[in-house]
Amino acid sequence: MAVDAATSSPNPPASVSATASLEPRATWGGDLRLRQVFIGNVGLNEQSPIADRTFQRYRVRLWGQYSPSEQLGAEARLIWEGRHYHKPEADQWPIPGFETWYSGGLLFDQLALSLDQPAGLPLSLKVGRQDLILGHGWLVLEGTPLDGSRTIYFDAARATLDLAEIDTRVDLIYLDQDATTGRFPRPLNGVIEDQIEQYETGAILYARNRSLLPETDLDGYLIYKHDRPDRTSGNIRVNNGAPFPSPSDSGDLYTLGLRAEGDLSPSWGLRAEGAYQWGQLNGDDLTAVGFNGRILYRLQDRLENRFHADLEYLSGDDPDDETDQAFDPLWGRWPQWSELMIYQWPLDSRVAQATNLLRLNLGWMAQVHPTSLLTLDYHALFANEESTLTPQQRVNISGDGRFRGHLFTAWLKARLSDHVSGHLVAEYLAPGDFYAEHRRDDSYFLRAELVLHW
C-alpha cells in the first residue's frame, strides 16, 4: 500500500494534456503493477492462525483522454486487481468468505469531464470520478481506504479559481462516496466490493497562496463531512479476499485547518499543518485537534543527503469525558508513514485510521544511485489516551501504558527507465506497553514491487 504507486497517475489531467490548437487530441496509456508482500504478526499475536500473511497483488490499468478543444476534456481509466494468498490458507480463517485466489472488480476508477477557462474566465471545472490530493494528503487523498492502494478515487465535482494576480488558487469541491463499488458505473465483471465502511458526502473549501511569503505555500481550508451508516454496519465484510470487522460511522464533522510549506534557506525546509475539528460522531459531540509538521535539512552534496524530523499529534478520546476527542483523519486513511501500521490500527481503531497518536520521527534519505532513492526512518509511537473505538477492542490494550512501540522503516525506490520502476520496503515494529500482554509480539512488513509503464 504505497502512496507513490497508488497516486502517481502517469496520465496528466485533461486540462494539462489538451492540445494548444483547435485540433482534437487523444492520448492513452497503461501500467502493470506486480507486488509480493510478507507480513508477520498482524494483530501483534503470533499465536493467531491468521497472524502471518503472504500474498501477491496484480494490478492492471488502462487509461485514455480526449480533448476536442482547448477547453473541453474527457478522461477514463479502467482498473483490475487480483490477489493470490499463500498464507493464511482458506480453512485457517475463523470467518467464512476467505478466498485464496481473489479476482477483484473490473471498474473505472477515473471517469470525468473537464472544462478549462470557459468564456476566458480564470476557472476550471471537473466533474466525475477523479483523484483528489490536497496539500501532502494528510487529510484528503484516499477516497476508498478498504481496497488499499488499488484505487483512491472520489466521485466529485471540483471548481478551481486561479487568481494569478495575487498568486492564489481556490478550490471548491463537493464529493459523494458510495460504500461499495455498486454505483454507476458498476464493475464490468459484476464483482461488487466494499470501499468504505459508510456512505460519505462532503464539501471542501481550500485556498492556497504563494505571494504572502516567498517560496512558501500558505493553505487554509474548511471541510465538511457527513457519514451515513451502511445497512450492513457491524457485519463482517469481505474485500480483496480477506474478511475483517468494519463498523460504520454516523455524524457530521467540520474541520478548519491551516498549512504552510516552504524553504527557510537553500538548506532548511519546513512544513506545518494544524486542524481543529468539531461536530457530532456516532451520537457524541466531538471536539478534536491534530498537527503534522516536518523540518528538513539538506546537505546539498552529490548524494543529495537529506535529514528530517517529524512531529504528529492526533488527539485521543478521554474515556472519562462524555465528549469525543478522537481526531478523525477524514480522507487521510493511507500509509503516510507506515505500511505495517495499516494492519495494526484495527486493534483500537479501524483499517488505516490513525488517531490517538503522538509520533516522533527521525529520518534520512539520499540519492544513492542516479536511479535510486534510499530512505530510512525511526518512529517513536505513543497513545495520548487509553481509549478504543469500540468497547470490544478494550481487550487489545493494557490500560497500564501509553507507548505504542518502536517502528523502523526502510525504502529503496528505483526508476530504471521511462517504462520500468519499482521499490523494496521493509518495516519492523517492537510493540510497547499500550497494547495488552497478548498483543506485544514483534511484527514486520516486507514488499517488493515492479511496475511496467507504457
Protein backbone atom coordinates (compact mmCIF):
# COMPACT_ATOMS: atom_id res chain seq x y z
CA MET A 1 0.00 0.00 0.00
CA ALA A 2 2.37 2.67 -1.16
CA VAL A 3 1.11 6.10 -1.94
CA ASP A 4 3.59 6.58 -4.76
CA ALA A 5 2.12 3.64 -6.64
CA ALA A 6 -1.43 4.46 -5.75
CA THR A 7 -1.44 8.14 -6.56
CA SER A 8 1.19 8.83 -9.18
CA SER A 9 -1.00 8.91 -12.24
CA PRO A 10 1.02 8.57 -15.46
CA ASN A 11 -1.83 10.28 -17.28
CA PRO A 12 -1.93 14.04 -16.54
CA PRO A 13 -5.21 15.88 -16.01
CA ALA A 14 -7.19 16.57 -19.13
CA SER A 15 -6.62 20.30 -18.77
CA VAL A 16 -2.86 19.69 -18.99
CA SER A 17 -2.94 17.25 -21.86
CA ALA A 18 -5.27 19.32 -24.05
CA THR A 19 -3.60 20.50 -27.21
CA ALA A 20 -2.95 24.19 -27.74
CA SER A 21 -4.52 24.06 -31.18
CA LEU A 22 -8.12 23.55 -32.18
CA GLU A 23 -7.35 20.04 -33.44
CA PRO A 24 -8.77 17.21 -31.27
CA ARG A 25 -6.25 15.15 -29.38
CA ALA A 26 -6.49 11.67 -27.93
CA THR A 27 -3.91 10.00 -25.68
CA TRP A 28 -3.80 6.65 -23.95
CA GLY A 29 -1.53 4.55 -21.77
CA GLY A 30 -1.38 1.91 -19.09
CA ASP A 31 0.65 0.17 -16.44
CA LEU A 32 1.06 -3.21 -14.80
CA ARG A 33 1.96 -3.36 -11.09
CA LEU A 34 3.25 -6.61 -9.56
CA ARG A 35 3.70 -6.96 -5.79
CA GLN A 36 4.93 -9.65 -3.42
CA VAL A 37 4.03 -8.99 0.24
CA PHE A 38 5.07 -10.67 3.50
CA ILE A 39 3.54 -9.55 6.81
CA GLY A 40 4.39 -11.03 10.20
CA ASN A 41 2.05 -10.89 13.19
CA VAL A 42 -0.95 -8.91 12.05
CA GLY A 43 -2.67 -8.16 15.36
CA LEU A 44 0.64 -8.49 17.25
CA ASN A 45 -0.21 -12.02 18.45
CA GLU A 46 1.95 -14.72 16.88
CA GLN A 47 -0.39 -17.46 18.17
CA SER A 48 -3.17 -16.37 15.83
CA PRO A 49 -3.56 -18.67 12.80
CA ILE A 50 -4.05 -15.63 10.56
CA ALA A 51 -1.22 -13.51 12.01
CA ASP A 52 1.16 -14.15 9.10
CA ARG A 53 0.20 -13.05 5.60
CA THR A 54 1.93 -13.83 2.30
CA PHE A 55 0.31 -12.81 -0.96
CA GLN A 56 0.76 -11.34 -4.42
CA ARG A 57 -1.11 -8.43 -5.95
CA TYR A 58 -1.55 -7.98 -9.71
CA ARG A 59 -2.92 -4.62 -10.85
CA VAL A 60 -3.56 -3.55 -14.45
CA ARG A 61 -4.70 -0.06 -15.50
CA LEU A 62 -5.59 1.32 -18.93
CA TRP A 63 -6.50 4.97 -19.47
CA GLY A 64 -7.44 7.32 -22.23
CA GLN A 65 -8.04 11.04 -22.67
CA TYR A 66 -9.76 13.00 -25.37
CA SER A 67 -9.65 16.78 -25.82
CA PRO A 68 -11.88 18.03 -28.64
CA SER A 69 -10.78 21.63 -27.94
CA GLU A 70 -8.60 23.74 -25.68
CA GLN A 71 -11.38 23.99 -23.12
CA LEU A 72 -13.00 20.55 -23.15
CA GLY A 73 -11.55 17.26 -21.98
CA ALA A 74 -12.67 13.78 -21.04
CA GLU A 75 -10.72 11.04 -19.27
CA ALA A 76 -11.29 7.46 -18.23
CA ARG A 77 -9.21 4.80 -16.53
CA LEU A 78 -10.11 1.12 -16.28
CA ILE A 79 -8.57 -0.95 -13.50
CA TRP A 80 -8.43 -4.54 -12.27
CA GLU A 81 -6.51 -6.08 -9.40
CA GLY A 82 -6.35 -9.70 -8.31
CA ARG A 83 -4.65 -11.36 -5.37
CA HIS A 84 -3.26 -14.77 -4.53
CA TYR A 85 -2.74 -15.75 -0.87
CA HIS A 86 -0.18 -18.33 0.25
CA LYS A 87 -0.78 -17.52 3.93
CA PRO A 88 -3.15 -17.89 5.59
CA GLU A 89 -4.84 -20.81 3.93
CA ALA A 90 -8.58 -20.63 3.34
CA ASP A 91 -9.51 -23.05 6.14
CA GLN A 92 -7.50 -21.04 8.72
CA TRP A 93 -9.81 -18.03 8.67
CA PRO A 94 -12.29 -18.17 11.59
CA ILE A 95 -14.85 -16.35 9.43
CA PRO A 96 -16.27 -17.83 6.20
CA GLY A 97 -15.66 -15.94 2.99
CA PHE A 98 -11.89 -16.02 2.56
CA GLU A 99 -10.65 -16.86 -0.92
CA THR A 100 -7.10 -18.00 -1.64
CA TRP A 101 -7.47 -16.74 -5.22
CA TYR A 102 -9.31 -13.47 -5.46
CA SER A 103 -10.35 -11.68 -8.64
CA GLY A 104 -11.50 -8.13 -7.97
CA GLY A 105 -13.84 -5.91 -9.89
CA LEU A 106 -13.09 -4.57 -13.35
CA LEU A 107 -14.06 -0.97 -12.83
CA PHE A 108 -13.46 2.64 -13.81
CA ASP A 109 -11.52 4.50 -11.12
CA GLN A 110 -11.40 7.63 -13.28
CA LEU A 111 -14.26 8.83 -15.44
CA ALA A 112 -14.56 12.60 -15.67
CA LEU A 113 -15.27 15.62 -17.86
CA SER A 114 -13.32 18.87 -17.56
CA LEU A 115 -13.84 22.43 -18.74
CA ASP A 116 -10.93 24.87 -18.66
CA GLN A 117 -11.35 28.67 -18.71
CA PRO A 118 -14.90 28.90 -20.06
CA ALA A 119 -15.54 32.28 -21.71
CA GLY A 120 -11.96 33.24 -20.81
CA LEU A 121 -12.63 33.11 -17.06
CA PRO A 122 -9.79 32.02 -14.73
CA LEU A 123 -11.85 28.99 -13.79
CA SER A 124 -11.63 25.26 -14.38
CA LEU A 125 -14.28 22.62 -13.69
CA LYS A 126 -14.00 18.87 -13.34
CA VAL A 127 -16.95 16.55 -12.71
CA GLY A 128 -16.94 12.81 -12.23
CA ARG A 129 -14.73 10.11 -10.77
CA GLN A 130 -11.29 11.57 -10.09
CA ASP A 131 -8.31 11.61 -7.73
CA LEU A 132 -8.11 14.42 -5.15
CA ILE A 133 -4.90 15.23 -3.28
CA LEU A 134 -4.79 18.39 -1.16
CA GLY A 135 -1.57 19.53 0.47
CA HIS A 136 0.58 16.46 1.06
CA GLY A 137 -2.51 14.33 1.57
CA TRP A 138 -2.68 14.48 5.36
CA LEU A 139 -6.49 14.77 5.39
CA VAL A 140 -7.55 14.47 1.74
CA LEU A 141 -6.12 11.80 -0.56
CA GLU A 142 -7.77 8.38 -0.10
CA GLY A 143 -11.43 8.03 -1.01
CA THR A 144 -11.51 4.23 -0.95
CA PRO A 145 -9.48 3.02 2.06
CA LEU A 146 -10.77 -0.56 2.23
CA ASP A 147 -9.13 -1.64 -1.03
CA GLY A 148 -5.68 -0.38 -0.07
CA SER A 149 -3.72 1.27 -2.85
CA ARG A 150 -5.75 -0.30 -5.65
CA THR A 151 -7.75 2.94 -6.06
CA ILE A 152 -8.04 6.27 -4.28
CA TYR A 153 -10.89 7.81 -6.28
CA PHE A 154 -13.60 10.28 -5.30
CA ASP A 155 -16.93 10.83 -7.03
CA ALA A 156 -16.74 14.61 -7.00
CA ALA A 157 -17.28 17.97 -8.64
CA ARG A 158 -14.35 20.40 -8.40
CA ALA A 159 -14.20 24.07 -9.34
CA THR A 160 -10.82 25.80 -9.29
CA LEU A 161 -10.46 29.59 -9.41
CA ASP A 162 -6.98 30.79 -10.39
CA LEU A 163 -6.29 34.33 -9.16
CA ALA A 164 -2.93 34.80 -10.85
CA GLU A 165 -2.55 38.48 -9.90
CA ILE A 166 -2.28 37.54 -6.21
CA ASP A 167 -0.78 34.07 -6.82
CA THR A 168 -3.75 32.38 -5.20
CA ARG A 169 -5.83 29.36 -6.12
CA VAL A 170 -9.19 28.50 -4.57
CA ASP A 171 -10.86 25.09 -4.84
CA LEU A 172 -14.48 24.34 -4.07
CA ILE A 173 -15.18 20.60 -4.03
CA TYR A 174 -18.31 18.55 -3.48
CA LEU A 175 -17.96 14.79 -3.08
CA ASP A 176 -20.34 11.87 -2.70
CA GLN A 177 -18.82 8.47 -1.87
CA ASP A 178 -20.71 5.20 -2.04
CA ALA A 179 -19.87 2.48 0.48
CA THR A 180 -19.42 -0.09 -2.29
CA THR A 181 -18.46 -0.26 -5.95
CA GLY A 182 -22.09 -0.93 -6.87
CA ARG A 183 -22.78 2.63 -8.00
CA PHE A 184 -22.82 3.51 -11.70
CA PRO A 185 -20.63 2.75 -13.46
CA ARG A 186 -20.83 -0.72 -11.93
CA PRO A 187 -17.85 -3.09 -12.30
CA LEU A 188 -17.90 -4.63 -15.76
CA ASN A 189 -17.45 -8.17 -14.39
CA GLY A 190 -20.20 -7.79 -11.76
CA VAL A 191 -17.90 -8.04 -8.69
CA ILE A 192 -19.23 -5.60 -6.06
CA GLU A 193 -16.82 -4.75 -3.22
CA ASP A 194 -16.74 -2.62 -0.10
CA GLN A 195 -14.72 0.58 -0.47
CA ILE A 196 -15.68 2.44 2.73
CA GLU A 197 -17.49 1.49 5.95
CA GLN A 198 -20.22 4.08 5.36
CA TYR A 199 -21.73 6.40 2.76
CA GLU A 200 -19.96 9.76 2.76
CA THR A 201 -20.77 13.20 1.40
CA GLY A 202 -18.79 16.34 1.94
CA ALA A 203 -17.70 19.79 0.83
CA ILE A 204 -14.24 21.34 0.84
CA LEU A 205 -13.19 24.96 0.51
CA TYR A 206 -9.42 25.03 0.02
CA ALA A 207 -7.27 28.10 -0.72
CA ARG A 208 -3.54 28.27 -1.48
CA ASN A 209 -1.42 31.43 -1.67
CA ARG A 210 2.22 31.82 -2.75
CA SER A 211 2.58 35.61 -2.66
CA LEU A 212 2.49 36.39 1.08
CA LEU A 213 5.77 34.60 1.81
CA PRO A 214 8.45 33.88 -0.82
CA GLU A 215 8.82 30.23 -1.89
CA THR A 216 6.12 29.22 0.58
CA ASP A 217 2.70 27.67 0.16
CA LEU A 218 0.15 29.02 2.64
CA ASP A 219 -3.05 26.98 2.68
CA GLY A 220 -6.31 27.40 4.54
CA TYR A 221 -9.32 25.11 4.39
CA LEU A 222 -12.75 24.30 5.74
CA ILE A 223 -14.01 20.72 5.33
CA TYR A 224 -17.47 19.31 6.00
CA LYS A 225 -18.00 15.54 6.11
CA HIS A 226 -21.30 13.71 6.57
CA ASP A 227 -21.25 9.98 7.35
CA ARG A 228 -24.32 7.79 6.89
CA PRO A 229 -24.12 4.15 8.03
CA ASP A 230 -24.18 1.33 5.54
CA ARG A 231 -27.07 -1.10 6.06
CA THR A 232 -24.51 -3.85 6.64
CA SER A 233 -22.91 -1.91 9.51
CA GLY A 234 -21.41 -4.27 12.07
CA ASN A 235 -21.29 -7.21 9.68
CA ILE A 236 -18.10 -8.91 8.58
CA ARG A 237 -17.11 -7.54 5.21
CA VAL A 238 -15.07 -9.30 2.56
CA ASN A 239 -12.79 -7.30 0.31
CA ASN A 240 -9.70 -8.28 -1.67
CA GLY A 241 -10.23 -11.81 -0.44
CA ALA A 242 -9.89 -11.04 3.28
CA PRO A 243 -12.73 -10.74 5.81
CA PHE A 244 -12.50 -8.11 8.55
CA PRO A 245 -14.76 -6.36 11.07
CA SER A 246 -15.56 -2.82 9.99
CA PRO A 247 -18.13 -0.72 11.89
CA SER A 248 -19.75 2.26 10.19
CA ASP A 249 -19.60 5.89 11.33
CA SER A 250 -22.55 8.26 11.52
CA GLY A 251 -22.46 12.01 12.01
CA ASP A 252 -21.38 15.43 10.79
CA LEU A 253 -17.83 16.72 11.16
CA TYR A 254 -16.33 20.14 10.45
CA THR A 255 -12.57 20.68 10.10
CA LEU A 256 -10.82 24.06 9.99
CA GLY A 257 -7.13 23.96 9.11
CA LEU A 258 -4.02 25.92 8.16
CA ARG A 259 -0.92 24.67 6.38
CA ALA A 260 2.46 26.16 5.47
CA GLU A 261 5.27 24.57 3.47
CA GLY A 262 8.39 26.21 2.12
CA ASP A 263 12.13 26.77 2.32
CA LEU A 264 13.72 28.84 5.06
CA SER A 265 17.02 28.72 3.14
CA PRO A 266 18.63 26.54 0.47
CA SER A 267 19.45 24.02 3.23
CA TRP A 268 16.42 24.23 5.50
CA GLY A 269 12.80 23.41 4.74
CA LEU A 270 9.71 23.47 6.94
CA ARG A 271 6.19 22.06 6.76
CA ALA A 272 3.47 22.53 9.38
CA GLU A 273 -0.26 21.80 9.33
CA GLY A 274 -2.79 22.08 12.11
CA ALA A 275 -6.52 21.39 12.21
CA TYR A 276 -9.42 21.78 14.63
CA GLN A 277 -12.49 19.55 14.42
CA TRP A 278 -15.98 19.81 15.84
CA GLY A 279 -19.38 18.26 15.27
CA GLN A 280 -21.13 15.02 16.16
CA LEU A 281 -19.96 11.48 15.56
CA ASN A 282 -21.79 8.27 16.48
CA GLY A 283 -24.15 10.10 18.83
CA ASP A 284 -21.47 12.06 20.73
CA ASP A 285 -20.33 15.66 20.48
CA LEU A 286 -16.79 15.79 19.08
CA THR A 287 -14.00 18.30 19.65
CA ALA A 288 -10.54 17.30 18.44
CA VAL A 289 -7.21 18.71 17.25
CA GLY A 290 -4.41 17.48 15.01
CA PHE A 291 -0.93 18.66 13.99
CA ASN A 292 1.56 17.38 11.44
CA GLY A 293 4.96 19.02 10.96
CA ARG A 294 8.38 18.36 9.45
CA ILE A 295 11.71 20.15 9.48
CA LEU A 296 14.12 19.21 6.69
CA TYR A 297 17.86 19.77 6.33
CA ARG A 298 19.67 19.28 3.00
CA LEU A 299 23.44 18.75 2.83
CA GLN A 300 23.40 19.83 -0.85
CA ASP A 301 26.05 17.26 -1.70
CA ARG A 302 26.50 14.81 -4.55
CA LEU A 303 24.14 12.22 -3.00
CA GLU A 304 21.53 14.85 -2.09
CA ASN A 305 21.58 13.73 1.56
CA ARG A 306 18.57 14.99 3.49
CA PHE A 307 17.61 14.63 7.14
CA HIS A 308 14.17 15.24 8.57
CA ALA A 309 12.38 15.32 11.93
CA ASP A 310 8.61 14.92 12.16
CA LEU A 311 6.09 15.60 14.88
CA GLU A 312 2.49 14.43 14.57
CA TYR A 313 -0.24 14.75 17.18
CA LEU A 314 -3.76 13.38 16.79
CA SER A 315 -5.88 13.83 19.88
CA GLY A 316 -7.36 10.75 21.54
CA ASP A 317 -10.64 10.25 23.33
CA ASP A 318 -10.61 10.56 27.12
CA PRO A 319 -12.85 7.67 28.23
CA ASP A 320 -13.90 9.63 31.34
CA ASP A 321 -15.25 12.56 29.31
CA GLU A 322 -18.66 12.47 27.61
CA THR A 323 -17.29 14.46 24.65
CA ASP A 324 -15.40 12.56 21.96
CA GLN A 325 -11.89 13.98 21.45
CA ALA A 326 -10.54 11.43 18.96
CA PHE A 327 -9.21 13.18 15.85
CA ASP A 328 -10.75 11.89 12.63
CA PRO A 329 -8.26 11.65 9.72
CA LEU A 330 -11.12 12.16 7.21
CA TRP A 331 -9.83 11.01 3.81
CA GLY A 332 -6.26 10.56 5.03
CA ARG A 333 -6.51 6.82 5.63
CA TRP A 334 -3.44 5.71 3.67
CA PRO A 335 0.11 4.66 4.67
CA GLN A 336 1.52 8.14 5.11
CA TRP A 337 4.49 6.92 7.16
CA SER A 338 3.98 3.17 7.64
CA GLU A 339 2.69 0.25 5.59
CA LEU A 340 2.74 -2.08 8.60
CA MET A 341 0.64 0.10 10.91
CA ILE A 342 -2.23 -0.01 8.40
CA TYR A 343 -2.75 -3.60 9.54
CA GLN A 344 -2.33 -2.87 13.28
CA TRP A 345 -4.68 0.12 13.65
CA PRO A 346 -7.80 -2.14 13.87
CA LEU A 347 -6.62 -3.18 17.35
CA ASP A 348 -8.01 0.10 18.69
CA SER A 349 -9.38 1.92 15.63
CA ARG A 350 -10.15 0.88 12.03
CA VAL A 351 -8.11 -0.11 8.98
CA ALA A 352 -5.62 2.70 8.26
CA GLN A 353 -7.46 5.07 10.62
CA ALA A 354 -4.69 6.76 12.61
CA THR A 355 -5.93 8.56 15.72
CA ASN A 356 -4.99 8.90 19.40
CA LEU A 357 -1.37 9.28 18.33
CA LEU A 358 1.82 11.11 19.22
CA ARG A 359 4.54 10.32 16.68
CA LEU A 360 8.18 11.42 16.83
CA ASN A 361 10.21 10.66 13.71
CA LEU A 362 13.84 10.96 12.65
CA GLY A 363 14.77 10.09 9.08
CA TRP A 364 17.41 10.21 6.37
CA MET A 365 17.21 9.94 2.61
CA ALA A 366 19.79 10.01 -0.17
CA GLN A 367 20.02 9.54 -3.93
CA VAL A 368 22.35 6.54 -3.61
CA HIS A 369 22.29 5.95 -7.37
CA PRO A 370 21.05 8.11 -10.27
CA THR A 371 18.08 5.74 -10.50
CA SER A 372 17.53 5.01 -6.80
CA LEU A 373 16.41 6.81 -3.63
CA LEU A 374 17.04 5.25 -0.19
CA THR A 375 15.04 6.35 2.88
CA LEU A 376 15.50 5.19 6.49
CA ASP A 377 13.19 6.24 9.35
CA TYR A 378 12.69 5.66 13.05
CA HIS A 379 9.33 6.44 14.68
CA ALA A 380 8.55 6.52 18.40
CA LEU A 381 4.80 5.96 18.71
CA PHE A 382 2.64 6.90 21.69
CA ALA A 383 -1.08 6.94 22.51
CA ASN A 384 -2.47 10.08 24.13
CA GLU A 385 -5.35 8.30 25.88
CA GLU A 386 -6.21 4.76 26.98
CA SER A 387 -9.16 4.56 24.62
CA THR A 388 -10.51 2.44 21.78
CA LEU A 389 -13.09 2.92 19.05
CA THR A 390 -15.38 0.16 20.36
CA PRO A 391 -15.79 -1.49 23.79
CA GLN A 392 -14.87 -4.85 22.24
CA GLN A 393 -11.39 -3.53 21.44
CA ARG A 394 -10.59 -2.85 25.12
CA VAL A 395 -9.09 -6.35 25.41
CA ASN A 396 -6.36 -5.28 22.97
CA ILE A 397 -4.87 -2.55 25.20
CA SER A 398 -3.28 -2.88 28.62
CA GLY A 399 -4.67 0.18 30.40
CA ASP A 400 -1.24 0.50 32.06
CA GLY A 401 0.80 2.43 29.49
CA ARG A 402 0.79 4.81 26.55
CA PHE A 403 3.78 3.64 24.46
CA ARG A 404 2.69 2.07 21.17
CA GLY A 405 6.17 0.98 20.16
CA HIS A 406 9.36 1.48 18.16
CA LEU A 407 8.90 1.45 14.38
CA PHE A 408 11.76 1.19 11.88
CA THR A 409 11.16 1.60 8.14
CA ALA A 410 13.37 1.40 5.03
CA TRP A 411 12.52 2.17 1.40
CA LEU A 412 14.55 1.73 -1.76
CA LYS A 413 12.74 3.28 -4.74
CA ALA A 414 14.10 2.94 -8.26
CA ARG A 415 13.16 4.42 -11.63
CA LEU A 416 15.10 2.25 -14.03
CA SER A 417 13.71 3.78 -17.23
CA ASP A 418 10.65 5.57 -18.58
CA HIS A 419 8.92 2.20 -18.68
CA VAL A 420 10.21 0.35 -15.58
CA SER A 421 10.14 1.31 -11.90
CA GLY A 422 9.88 -0.47 -8.57
CA HIS A 423 10.71 -0.50 -4.91
CA LEU A 424 11.66 -2.57 -1.88
CA VAL A 425 10.24 -1.75 1.54
CA ALA A 426 10.92 -3.27 4.98
CA GLU A 427 9.37 -2.35 8.33
CA TYR A 428 9.76 -3.67 11.87
CA LEU A 429 7.60 -2.86 14.92
CA ALA A 430 8.53 -3.62 18.52
CA PRO A 431 5.20 -3.06 20.37
CA GLY A 432 5.07 -1.17 23.67
CA ASP A 433 3.03 -1.28 26.86
CA PHE A 434 -0.03 0.41 25.36
CA TYR A 435 -1.02 -2.97 23.98
CA ALA A 436 -2.21 -5.87 26.14
CA GLU A 437 0.33 -8.57 27.00
CA HIS A 438 -1.08 -10.94 24.38
CA ARG A 439 -0.65 -8.15 21.76
CA ARG A 440 3.08 -7.47 22.11
CA ASP A 441 4.75 -9.82 19.64
CA ASP A 442 7.12 -8.16 17.21
CA SER A 443 5.78 -7.53 13.71
CA TYR A 444 7.28 -6.94 10.27
CA PHE A 445 6.32 -5.96 6.73
CA LEU A 446 8.23 -6.74 3.53
CA ARG A 447 7.27 -5.88 -0.03
CA ALA A 448 8.81 -5.98 -3.48
CA GLU A 449 7.17 -4.10 -6.35
CA LEU A 450 7.73 -3.90 -10.09
CA VAL A 451 5.76 -1.52 -12.32
CA LEU A 452 5.78 -1.55 -16.12
CA HIS A 453 4.58 1.70 -17.75
CA TRP A 454 3.60 2.34 -21.34
